[in-house]
């Protein structure tokens, strides 16, 4: 039921958003497709999470599979590190090697 509510809301993938990527989910893709919608349990059921709406968010199937049992805090920390690293790589560093 809450999964259907997420689908109706057309939410983007919270994991892609954390990494600064396009979070658009194609809700027409069939289940099992890597880009398809899945309701991600923010606190996994195995760790005490429930199917309550406040414990669910939209994710791509591939993102949800990548996340596995990582906590939300772990995902956000990985995203911050990756975004910092990619921003540092884009900076132009002055050089004296003429």
C-alpha atoms as a PDB file:
ATOM      1  CA  UNK A   1       0.000   0.000   0.000  1.00  0.00           C
ATOM      2  CA  UNK A   2       2.714   2.515   0.936  1.00  0.00           C
ATOM      3  CA  UNK A   3       4.705   1.250  -2.037  1.00  0.00           C
ATOM      4  CA  UNK A   4       1.779   2.267  -4.242  1.00  0.00           C
ATOM      5  CA  UNK A   5       1.709   5.701  -2.591  1.00  0.00           C
ATOM      6  CA  UNK A   6       5.410   6.211  -3.367  1.00  0.00           C
ATOM      7  CA  UNK A   7       4.744   5.195  -6.961  1.00  0.00           C
ATOM      8  CA  UNK A   8       1.840   7.677  -7.244  1.00  0.00           C
ATOM      9  CA  UNK A   9       4.048  10.453  -5.850  1.00  0.00           C
ATOM     10  CA  UNK A  10       6.575   9.788  -8.605  1.00  0.00           C
ATOM     11  CA  UNK A  11       9.512  10.334  -6.277  1.00  0.00           C
ATOM     12  CA  UNK A  12      13.069  10.266  -7.556  1.00  0.00           C
ATOM     13  CA  UNK A  13      15.767   7.891  -6.355  1.00  0.00           C
ATOM     14  CA  UNK A  14      17.061   9.065  -2.982  1.00  0.00           C
ATOM     15  CA  UNK A  15      20.392   7.297  -3.533  1.00  0.00           C
ATOM     16  CA  UNK A  16      21.067   8.979  -6.896  1.00  0.00           C
ATOM     17  CA  UNK A  17      20.101  12.309  -5.355  1.00  0.00           C
ATOM     18  CA  UNK A  18      22.649  11.766  -2.571  1.00  0.00           C
ATOM     19  CA  UNK A  19      25.367  11.232  -5.189  1.00  0.00           C
ATOM     20  CA  UNK A  20      24.312  14.288  -7.194  1.00  0.00           C
ATOM     21  CA  UNK A  21      23.098  12.199 -10.131  1.00  0.00           C
ATOM     22  CA  UNK A  22      19.848  12.432 -12.073  1.00  0.00           C
ATOM     23  CA  UNK A  23      17.315  10.823  -9.733  1.00  0.00           C
ATOM     24  CA  UNK A  24      14.545  10.297 -12.300  1.00  0.00           C
ATOM     25  CA  UNK A  25      12.876   6.896 -12.138  1.00  0.00           C
ATOM     26  CA  UNK A  26      11.015   5.530 -15.146  1.00  0.00           C
ATOM     27  CA  UNK A  27       7.968   4.120 -13.406  1.00  0.00           C
ATOM     28  CA  UNK A  28       6.917   2.324 -16.605  1.00  0.00           C
ATOM     29  CA  UNK A  29       9.891  -0.058 -16.576  1.00  0.00           C
ATOM     30  CA  UNK A  30       9.071  -3.642 -15.642  1.00  0.00           C
ATOM     31  CA  UNK A  31      10.038  -4.954 -12.221  1.00  0.00           C
ATOM     32  CA  UNK A  32      13.531  -6.407 -12.293  1.00  0.00           C
ATOM     33  CA  UNK A  33      14.891  -3.817 -14.735  1.00  0.00           C
ATOM     34  CA  UNK A  34      17.927  -2.057 -13.174  1.00  0.00           C
ATOM     35  CA  UNK A  35      16.263   1.344 -13.655  1.00  0.00           C
ATOM     36  CA  UNK A  36      12.856   0.299 -12.342  1.00  0.00           C
ATOM     37  CA  UNK A  37      11.216   1.586  -9.169  1.00  0.00           C
ATOM     38  CA  UNK A  38      11.647  -0.147  -5.837  1.00  0.00           C
ATOM     39  CA  UNK A  39      10.456   0.922  -2.405  1.00  0.00           C
ATOM     40  CA  UNK A  40      13.650   1.014  -0.352  1.00  0.00           C
ATOM     41  CA  UNK A  41      13.398   0.371   3.381  1.00  0.00           C
ATOM     42  CA  UNK A  42      15.565   3.078   4.964  1.00  0.00           C
ATOM     43  CA  UNK A  43      15.940   0.869   8.023  1.00  0.00           C
ATOM     44  CA  UNK A  44      15.927  -2.669   6.621  1.00  0.00           C
ATOM     45  CA  UNK A  45      13.294  -5.020   7.969  1.00  0.00           C
ATOM     46  CA  UNK A  46      16.095  -7.354   9.097  1.00  0.00           C
ATOM     47  CA  UNK A  47      17.333  -4.526  11.319  1.00  0.00           C
ATOM     48  CA  UNK A  48      13.935  -3.662  12.775  1.00  0.00           C
ATOM     49  CA  UNK A  49      12.502  -1.494  10.000  1.00  0.00           C
ATOM     50  CA  UNK A  50       8.861  -1.550   9.015  1.00  0.00           C
ATOM     51  CA  UNK A  51       6.730  -0.944   5.939  1.00  0.00           C
ATOM     52  CA  UNK A  52       5.619   2.420   7.382  1.00  0.00           C
ATOM     53  CA  UNK A  53       5.737   5.275   4.870  1.00  0.00           C
ATOM     54  CA  UNK A  54       8.315   7.175   6.925  1.00  0.00           C
ATOM     55  CA  UNK A  55      10.674   4.190   6.543  1.00  0.00           C
ATOM     56  CA  UNK A  56      10.323   3.963   2.768  1.00  0.00           C
ATOM     57  CA  UNK A  57      11.733   5.967  -0.096  1.00  0.00           C
ATOM     58  CA  UNK A  58      11.967   5.465  -3.830  1.00  0.00           C
ATOM     59  CA  UNK A  59      15.077   3.971  -5.402  1.00  0.00           C
ATOM     60  CA  UNK A  60      16.165   2.438  -8.666  1.00  0.00           C
ATOM     61  CA  UNK A  61      16.476  -1.333  -8.443  1.00  0.00           C
ATOM     62  CA  UNK A  62      20.224  -1.104  -9.229  1.00  0.00           C
ATOM     63  CA  UNK A  63      20.742   1.510  -6.509  1.00  0.00           C
ATOM     64  CA  UNK A  64      18.788  -0.546  -3.992  1.00  0.00           C
ATOM     65  CA  UNK A  65      20.864  -3.633  -4.852  1.00  0.00           C
ATOM     66  CA  UNK A  66      24.089  -1.616  -4.487  1.00  0.00           C
ATOM     67  CA  UNK A  67      22.979  -0.304  -1.111  1.00  0.00           C
ATOM     68  CA  UNK A  68      22.233  -3.777   0.277  1.00  0.00           C
ATOM     69  CA  UNK A  69      22.412  -3.428   4.070  1.00  0.00           C
ATOM     70  CA  UNK A  70      24.268  -0.110   4.240  1.00  0.00           C
ATOM     71  CA  UNK A  71      22.664   2.386   6.588  1.00  0.00           C
ATOM     72  CA  UNK A  72      21.419   5.705   5.277  1.00  0.00           C
ATOM     73  CA  UNK A  73      24.336   7.355   7.106  1.00  0.00           C
ATOM     74  CA  UNK A  74      26.824   5.065   5.327  1.00  0.00           C
ATOM     75  CA  UNK A  75      25.308   5.824   1.920  1.00  0.00           C
ATOM     76  CA  UNK A  76      25.430   9.571   2.582  1.00  0.00           C
ATOM     77  CA  UNK A  77      29.050   9.370   3.798  1.00  0.00           C
ATOM     78  CA  UNK A  78      30.113   7.453   0.668  1.00  0.00           C
ATOM     79  CA  UNK A  79      28.272   9.980  -1.502  1.00  0.00           C
ATOM     80  CA  UNK A  80      29.969  12.924   0.260  1.00  0.00           C
ATOM     81  CA  UNK A  81      33.416  11.373  -0.192  1.00  0.00           C
ATOM     82  CA  UNK A  82      32.788  10.604  -3.842  1.00  0.00           C
ATOM     83  CA  UNK A  83      31.399  14.049  -4.586  1.00  0.00           C
ATOM     84  CA  UNK A  84      34.334  15.717  -2.807  1.00  0.00           C
ATOM     85  CA  UNK A  85      36.818  13.608  -4.747  1.00  0.00           C
ATOM     86  CA  UNK A  86      35.197  14.399  -8.095  1.00  0.00           C
ATOM     87  CA  UNK A  87      35.045  18.123  -7.323  1.00  0.00           C
ATOM     88  CA  UNK A  88      38.721  18.119  -6.377  1.00  0.00           C
ATOM     89  CA  UNK A  89      39.619  16.391  -9.626  1.00  0.00           C
ATOM     90  CA  UNK A  90      37.869  19.118 -11.625  1.00  0.00           C
ATOM     91  CA  UNK A  91      39.693  22.000  -9.997  1.00  0.00           C
ATOM     92  CA  UNK A  92      42.437  23.529 -12.093  1.00  0.00           C
ATOM     93  CA  UNK A  93      45.606  23.641 -10.065  1.00  0.00           C
ATOM     94  CA  UNK A  94      48.162  26.263 -10.967  1.00  0.00           C
ATOM     95  CA  UNK A  95      51.552  25.007 -11.951  1.00  0.00           C
ATOM     96  CA  UNK A  96      54.977  26.507 -12.342  1.00  0.00           C
ATOM     97  CA  UNK A  97      56.025  23.884 -14.891  1.00  0.00           C
ATOM     98  CA  UNK A  98      56.186  26.145 -17.922  1.00  0.00           C
END
